PDB file of N, CA and C in Angstrom:
ATOM      1  N   MET A   1      36.557  23.326 -27.859  1.00  0.00           N
ATOM      2  CA  MET A   1      38.001  23.317 -27.663  1.00  0.00           C
ATOM      3  C   MET A   1      38.364  24.379 -26.617  1.00  0.00           C
ATOM      4  N   SER A   2      39.223  24.018 -25.699  1.00  0.00           N
ATOM      5  CA  SER A   2      39.583  24.943 -24.630  1.00  0.00           C
ATOM      6  C   SER A   2      40.606  25.969 -25.115  1.00  0.00           C
ATOM      7  N   LYS A   3      40.690  27.053 -24.344  1.00  0.00           N
ATOM      8  CA  LYS A   3      41.636  28.107 -24.694  1.00  0.00           C
ATOM      9  C   LYS A   3      43.052  27.672 -24.347  1.00  0.00           C
ATOM     10  N   GLN A   4      44.014  28.218 -25.079  1.00  0.00           N
ATOM     11  CA  GLN A   4      45.415  27.955 -24.771  1.00  0.00           C
ATOM     12  C   GLN A   4      45.826  28.800 -23.584  1.00  0.00           C
ATOM     13  N   LYS A   5      46.753  28.271 -22.789  1.00  0.00           N
ATOM     14  CA  LYS A   5      47.219  29.003 -21.623  1.00  0.00           C
ATOM     15  C   LYS A   5      48.570  29.646 -21.910  1.00  0.00           C
ATOM     16  N   THR A   6      48.703  30.863 -21.424  1.00  0.00           N
ATOM     17  CA  THR A   6      49.974  31.573 -21.516  1.00  0.00           C
ATOM     18  C   THR A   6      50.857  31.147 -20.363  1.00  0.00           C
ATOM     19  N   ARG A   7      52.115  30.877 -20.640  1.00  0.00           N
ATOM     20  CA  ARG A   7      53.061  30.585 -19.565  1.00  0.00           C
ATOM     21  C   ARG A   7      53.463  31.902 -18.927  1.00  0.00           C
ATOM     22  N   LYS A   8      53.002  32.114 -17.699  1.00  0.00           N
ATOM     23  CA  LYS A   8      53.170  33.408 -17.052  1.00  0.00           C
ATOM     24  C   LYS A   8      54.623  33.726 -16.753  1.00  0.00           C
ATOM     25  N   ALA A   9      55.438  32.724 -16.491  1.00  0.00           N
ATOM     26  CA  ALA A   9      56.860  32.977 -16.246  1.00  0.00           C
ATOM     27  C   ALA A   9      57.525  33.542 -17.495  1.00  0.00           C
ATOM     28  N   VAL A  10      57.102  33.065 -18.664  1.00  0.00           N
ATOM     29  CA  VAL A  10      57.656  33.563 -19.924  1.00  0.00           C
ATOM     30  C   VAL A  10      57.112  34.963 -20.215  1.00  0.00           C
ATOM     31  N   ALA A  11      55.845  35.192 -19.914  1.00  0.00           N
ATOM     32  CA  ALA A  11      55.240  36.501 -20.172  1.00  0.00           C
ATOM     33  C   ALA A  11      55.892  37.599 -19.344  1.00  0.00           C
ATOM     34  N   LYS A  12      56.378  37.263 -18.139  1.00  0.00           N
ATOM     35  CA  LYS A  12      57.026  38.265 -17.302  1.00  0.00           C
ATOM     36  C   LYS A  12      58.436  38.586 -17.768  1.00  0.00           C
ATOM     37  N   ARG A  13      59.070  37.680 -18.476  1.00  0.00           N
ATOM     38  CA  ARG A  13      60.477  37.850 -18.837  1.00  0.00           C
ATOM     39  C   ARG A  13      60.695  38.385 -20.235  1.00  0.00           C
ATOM     40  N   PHE A  14      59.737  38.240 -21.139  1.00  0.00           N
ATOM     41  CA  PHE A  14      59.935  38.583 -22.541  1.00  0.00           C
ATOM     42  C   PHE A  14      58.819  39.484 -23.039  1.00  0.00           C
ATOM     43  N   LYS A  15      59.163  40.372 -23.972  1.00  0.00           N
ATOM     44  CA  LYS A  15      58.189  41.229 -24.640  1.00  0.00           C
ATOM     45  C   LYS A  15      58.398  41.086 -26.142  1.00  0.00           C
ATOM     46  N   ILE A  16      57.310  41.134 -26.903  1.00  0.00           N
ATOM     47  CA  ILE A  16      57.386  41.011 -28.354  1.00  0.00           C
ATOM     48  C   ILE A  16      57.276  42.402 -28.965  1.00  0.00           C
ATOM     49  N   THR A  17      58.196  42.720 -29.875  1.00  0.00           N
ATOM     50  CA  THR A  17      58.203  44.031 -30.513  1.00  0.00           C
ATOM     51  C   THR A  17      57.167  44.073 -31.631  1.00  0.00           C
ATOM     52  N   ALA A  18      56.996  45.236 -32.235  1.00  0.00           N
ATOM     53  CA  ALA A  18      56.027  45.396 -33.317  1.00  0.00           C
ATOM     54  C   ALA A  18      56.421  44.593 -34.549  1.00  0.00           C
ATOM     55  N   ASN A  19      57.727  44.363 -34.718  1.00  0.00           N
ATOM     56  CA  ASN A  19      58.192  43.593 -35.868  1.00  0.00           C
ATOM     57  C   ASN A  19      58.199  42.088 -35.609  1.00  0.00           C
ATOM     58  N   GLY A  20      57.823  41.664 -34.409  1.00  0.00           N
ATOM     59  CA  GLY A  20      57.773  40.242 -34.095  1.00  0.00           C
ATOM     60  C   GLY A  20      59.028  39.692 -33.449  1.00  0.00           C
ATOM     61  N   LYS A  21      60.001  40.547 -33.176  1.00  0.00           N
ATOM     62  CA  LYS A  21      61.197  40.092 -32.477  1.00  0.00           C
ATOM     63  C   LYS A  21      60.912  40.073 -30.984  1.00  0.00           C
ATOM     64  N   ILE A  22      61.747  39.370 -30.230  1.00  0.00           N
ATOM     65  CA  ILE A  22      61.512  39.206 -28.797  1.00  0.00           C
ATOM     66  C   ILE A  22      62.628  39.886 -28.022  1.00  0.00           C
ATOM     67  N   LYS A  23      62.235  40.758 -27.074  1.00  0.00           N
ATOM     68  CA  LYS A  23      63.193  41.457 -26.233  1.00  0.00           C
ATOM     69  C   LYS A  23      63.332  40.724 -24.909  1.00  0.00           C
ATOM     70  N   ARG A  24      64.529  40.826 -24.327  1.00  0.00           N
ATOM     71  CA  ARG A  24      64.788  40.247 -23.018  1.00  0.00           C
ATOM     72  C   ARG A  24      65.682  41.195 -22.245  1.00  0.00           C
ATOM     73  N   SER A  25      65.717  41.010 -20.933  1.00  0.00           N
ATOM     74  CA  SER A  25      66.630  41.799 -20.122  1.00  0.00           C
ATOM     75  C   SER A  25      67.880  40.981 -19.844  1.00  0.00           C
ATOM     76  N   SER A  26      68.955  41.662 -19.501  1.00  0.00           N
ATOM     77  CA  SER A  26      70.227  40.997 -19.257  1.00  0.00           C
ATOM     78  C   SER A  26      70.272  40.433 -17.855  1.00  0.00           C
ATOM     79  N   SER A  27      71.013  39.370 -17.694  1.00  0.00           N
ATOM     80  CA  SER A  27      71.254  38.833 -16.361  1.00  0.00           C
ATOM     81  C   SER A  27      72.511  39.473 -15.800  1.00  0.00           C
ATOM     82  N   GLY A  28      72.674  39.387 -14.493  1.00  0.00           N
ATOM     83  CA  GLY A  28      73.868  39.909 -13.866  1.00  0.00           C
ATOM     84  C   GLY A  28      73.756  41.333 -13.381  1.00  0.00           C
ATOM     85  N   LYS A  29      72.549  41.862 -13.226  1.00  0.00           N
ATOM     86  CA  LYS A  29      72.353  43.254 -12.810  1.00  0.00           C
ATOM     87  C   LYS A  29      71.723  43.344 -11.423  1.00  0.00           C
ATOM     88  N   ARG A  30      71.620  42.245 -10.696  1.00  0.00           N
ATOM     89  CA  ARG A  30      70.912  42.233  -9.413  1.00  0.00           C
ATOM     90  C   ARG A  30      71.810  42.592  -8.236  1.00  0.00           C
ATOM     91  N   HIS A  31      72.981  41.999  -8.161  1.00  0.00           N
ATOM     92  CA  HIS A  31      73.851  42.231  -7.007  1.00  0.00           C
ATOM     93  C   HIS A  31      75.294  42.058  -7.435  1.00  0.00           C
ATOM     94  N   LEU A  32      76.217  42.312  -6.510  1.00  0.00           N
ATOM     95  CA  LEU A  32      77.656  42.267  -6.782  1.00  0.00           C
ATOM     96  C   LEU A  32      78.041  43.239  -7.892  1.00  0.00           C
ATOM     97  N   LEU A  33      77.480  44.447  -7.835  1.00  0.00           N
ATOM     98  CA  LEU A  33      77.730  45.428  -8.890  1.00  0.00           C
ATOM     99  C   LEU A  33      78.992  46.240  -8.645  1.00  0.00           C
ATOM    100  N   SER A  34      79.533  46.179  -7.433  1.00  0.00           N
ATOM    101  CA  SER A  34      80.692  47.012  -7.140  1.00  0.00           C
ATOM    102  C   SER A  34      81.939  46.549  -7.887  1.00  0.00           C
ATOM    103  N   CYS A  35      82.013  45.289  -8.242  1.00  0.00           N
ATOM    104  CA  CYS A  35      83.192  44.799  -8.954  1.00  0.00           C
ATOM    105  C   CYS A  35      83.058  44.956 -10.473  1.00  0.00           C
ATOM    106  N   LYS A  36      81.903  45.420 -10.950  1.00  0.00           N
ATOM    107  CA  LYS A  36      81.695  45.615 -12.389  1.00  0.00           C
ATOM    108  C   LYS A  36      81.884  47.088 -12.703  1.00  0.00           C
ATOM    109  N   ASN A  37      82.538  47.368 -13.829  1.00  0.00           N
ATOM    110  CA  ASN A  37      82.773  48.773 -14.155  1.00  0.00           C
ATOM    111  C   ASN A  37      81.495  49.423 -14.690  1.00  0.00           C
ATOM    112  N   SER A  38      81.518  50.740 -14.809  1.00  0.00           N
ATOM    113  CA  SER A  38      80.301  51.479 -15.121  1.00  0.00           C
ATOM    114  C   SER A  38      79.794  51.183 -16.524  1.00  0.00           C
ATOM    115  N   LYS A  39      80.694  50.948 -17.466  1.00  0.00           N
ATOM    116  CA  LYS A  39      80.255  50.623 -18.826  1.00  0.00           C
ATOM    117  C   LYS A  39      79.513  49.293 -18.848  1.00  0.00           C
ATOM    118  N   ARG A  40      80.048  48.327 -18.117  1.00  0.00           N
ATOM    119  CA  ARG A  40      79.401  47.016 -18.067  1.00  0.00           C
ATOM    120  C   ARG A  40      78.036  47.102 -17.387  1.00  0.00           C
ATOM    121  N   ARG A  41      77.940  47.874 -16.300  1.00  0.00           N
ATOM    122  CA  ARG A  41      76.657  48.041 -15.618  1.00  0.00           C
ATOM    123  C   ARG A  41      75.646  48.750 -16.503  1.00  0.00           C
ATOM    124  N   ARG A  42      76.104  49.738 -17.256  1.00  0.00           N
ATOM    125  CA  ARG A  42      75.211  50.472 -18.146  1.00  0.00           C
ATOM    126  C   ARG A  42      74.682  49.561 -19.253  1.00  0.00           C
ATOM    127  N   LEU A  43      75.533  48.740 -19.831  1.00  0.00           N
ATOM    128  CA  LEU A  43      75.100  47.850 -20.900  1.00  0.00           C
ATOM    129  C   LEU A  43      74.200  46.725 -20.391  1.00  0.00           C
ATOM    130  N   LEU A  44      74.399  46.308 -19.139  1.00  0.00           N
ATOM    131  CA  LEU A  44      73.543  45.272 -18.568  1.00  0.00           C
ATOM    132  C   LEU A  44      72.125  45.775 -18.352  1.00  0.00           C
ATOM    133  N   GLY A  45      71.938  47.075 -18.230  1.00  0.00           N
ATOM    134  CA  GLY A  45      70.617  47.627 -18.010  1.00  0.00           C
ATOM    135  C   GLY A  45      69.769  47.703 -19.260  1.00  0.00           C
ATOM    136  N   LYS A  46      70.370  47.571 -20.411  1.00  0.00           N
ATOM    137  CA  LYS A  46      69.636  47.697 -21.669  1.00  0.00           C
ATOM    138  C   LYS A  46      68.982  46.376 -22.054  1.00  0.00           C
ATOM    139  N   GLN A  47      67.922  46.497 -22.849  1.00  0.00           N
ATOM    140  CA  GLN A  47      67.238  45.318 -23.360  1.00  0.00           C
ATOM    141  C   GLN A  47      68.010  44.757 -24.553  1.00  0.00           C
ATOM    142  N   LYS A  48      67.955  43.451 -24.712  1.00  0.00           N
ATOM    143  CA  LYS A  48      68.603  42.781 -25.834  1.00  0.00           C
ATOM    144  C   LYS A  48      67.585  41.920 -26.553  1.00  0.00           C
ATOM    145  N   LEU A  49      67.916  41.495 -27.752  1.00  0.00           N
ATOM    146  CA  LEU A  49      67.032  40.628 -28.518  1.00  0.00           C
ATOM    147  C   LEU A  49      67.395  39.169 -28.275  1.00  0.00           C
ATOM    148  N   VAL A  50      66.378  38.335 -28.277  1.00  0.00           N
ATOM    149  CA  VAL A  50      66.575  36.899 -28.098  1.00  0.00           C
ATOM    150  C   VAL A  50      67.147  36.330 -29.388  1.00  0.00           C
ATOM    151  N   ASP A  51      67.996  35.331 -29.262  1.00  0.00           N
ATOM    152  CA  ASP A  51      68.582  34.680 -30.423  1.00  0.00           C
ATOM    153  C   ASP A  51      67.490  34.003 -31.253  1.00  0.00           C
ATOM    154  N   ARG A  52      67.687  33.953 -32.551  1.00  0.00           N
ATOM    155  CA  ARG A  52      66.678  33.385 -33.447  1.00  0.00           C
ATOM    156  C   ARG A  52      66.414  31.914 -33.175  1.00  0.00           C
ATOM    157  N   SER A  53      67.401  31.193 -32.664  1.00  0.00           N
ATOM    158  CA  SER A  53      67.210  29.768 -32.394  1.00  0.00           C
ATOM    159  C   SER A  53      66.267  29.529 -31.218  1.00  0.00           C
ATOM    160  N   ASP A  54      66.066  30.524 -30.360  1.00  0.00           N
ATOM    161  CA  ASP A  54      65.184  30.380 -29.205  1.00  0.00           C
ATOM    162  C   ASP A  54      63.812  31.008 -29.410  1.00  0.00           C
ATOM    163  N   GLU A  55      63.624  31.763 -30.487  1.00  0.00           N
ATOM    164  CA  GLU A  55      62.380  32.497 -30.684  1.00  0.00           C
ATOM    165  C   GLU A  55      61.166  31.591 -30.788  1.00  0.00           C
ATOM    166  N   GLN A  56      61.280  30.477 -31.464  1.00  0.00           N
ATOM    167  CA  GLN A  56      60.125  29.604 -31.687  1.00  0.00           C
ATOM    168  C   GLN A  56      59.600  29.044 -30.372  1.00  0.00           C
ATOM    169  N   ARG A  57      60.500  28.644 -29.465  1.00  0.00           N
ATOM    170  CA  ARG A  57      60.062  28.095 -28.179  1.00  0.00           C
ATOM    171  C   ARG A  57      59.348  29.145 -27.335  1.00  0.00           C
ATOM    172  N   ILE A  58      59.818  30.377 -27.392  1.00  0.00           N
ATOM    173  CA  ILE A  58      59.193  31.429 -26.599  1.00  0.00           C
ATOM    174  C   ILE A  58      57.838  31.800 -27.177  1.00  0.00           C
ATOM    175  N   LYS A  59      57.728  31.862 -28.486  1.00  0.00           N
ATOM    176  CA  LYS A  59      56.452  32.217 -29.109  1.00  0.00           C
ATOM    177  C   LYS A  59      55.400  31.152 -28.870  1.00  0.00           C
ATOM    178  N   LEU A  60      55.790  29.888 -28.744  1.00  0.00           N
ATOM    179  CA  LEU A  60      54.826  28.845 -28.416  1.00  0.00           C
ATOM    180  C   LEU A  60      54.297  28.999 -27.003  1.00  0.00           C
ATOM    181  N   SER A  61      55.084  29.573 -26.118  1.00  0.00           N
ATOM    182  CA  SER A  61      54.655  29.778 -24.739  1.00  0.00           C
ATOM    183  C   SER A  61      53.787  31.014 -24.585  1.00  0.00           C
ATOM    184  N   LEU A  62      53.762  31.881 -25.605  1.00  0.00           N
ATOM    185  CA  LEU A  62      52.959  33.102 -25.584  1.00  0.00           C
ATOM    186  C   LEU A  62      51.962  33.065 -26.727  1.00  0.00           C
ATOM    187  N   PRO A  63      50.882  32.288 -26.615  1.00  0.00           N
ATOM    188  CA  PRO A  63      49.999  32.083 -27.773  1.00  0.00           C
ATOM    189  C   PRO A  63      49.239  33.318 -28.216  1.00  0.00           C
ATOM    190  N   TYR A  64      48.961  34.269 -27.309  1.00  0.00           N
ATOM    191  CA  TYR A  64      48.149  35.429 -27.683  1.00  0.00           C
ATOM    192  C   TYR A  64      48.949  36.702 -27.816  1.00  0.00           C
ATOM    193  N   ALA A  65      50.257  36.604 -27.810  1.00  0.00           N
ATOM    194  CA  ALA A  65      51.093  37.800 -27.905  1.00  0.00           C
ATOM    195  C   ALA A  65      51.389  38.125 -29.353  1.00  0.00           C
TER     196      ALA A  65
END
């Protein structure tokens, strides 16, 4: 039986915590930052958790994580 392949696009975007939850980064932090206030920019820089409804699809794409 062949080995399972990791989806590299998913591996670059998500990290799995020690408790099995999945972290993601926020969108909207790349450009056009001058019109966003400092609180919004600060919160966009933090990591967030993936919604529980999406966790199963991401974990299937990361078989060895």
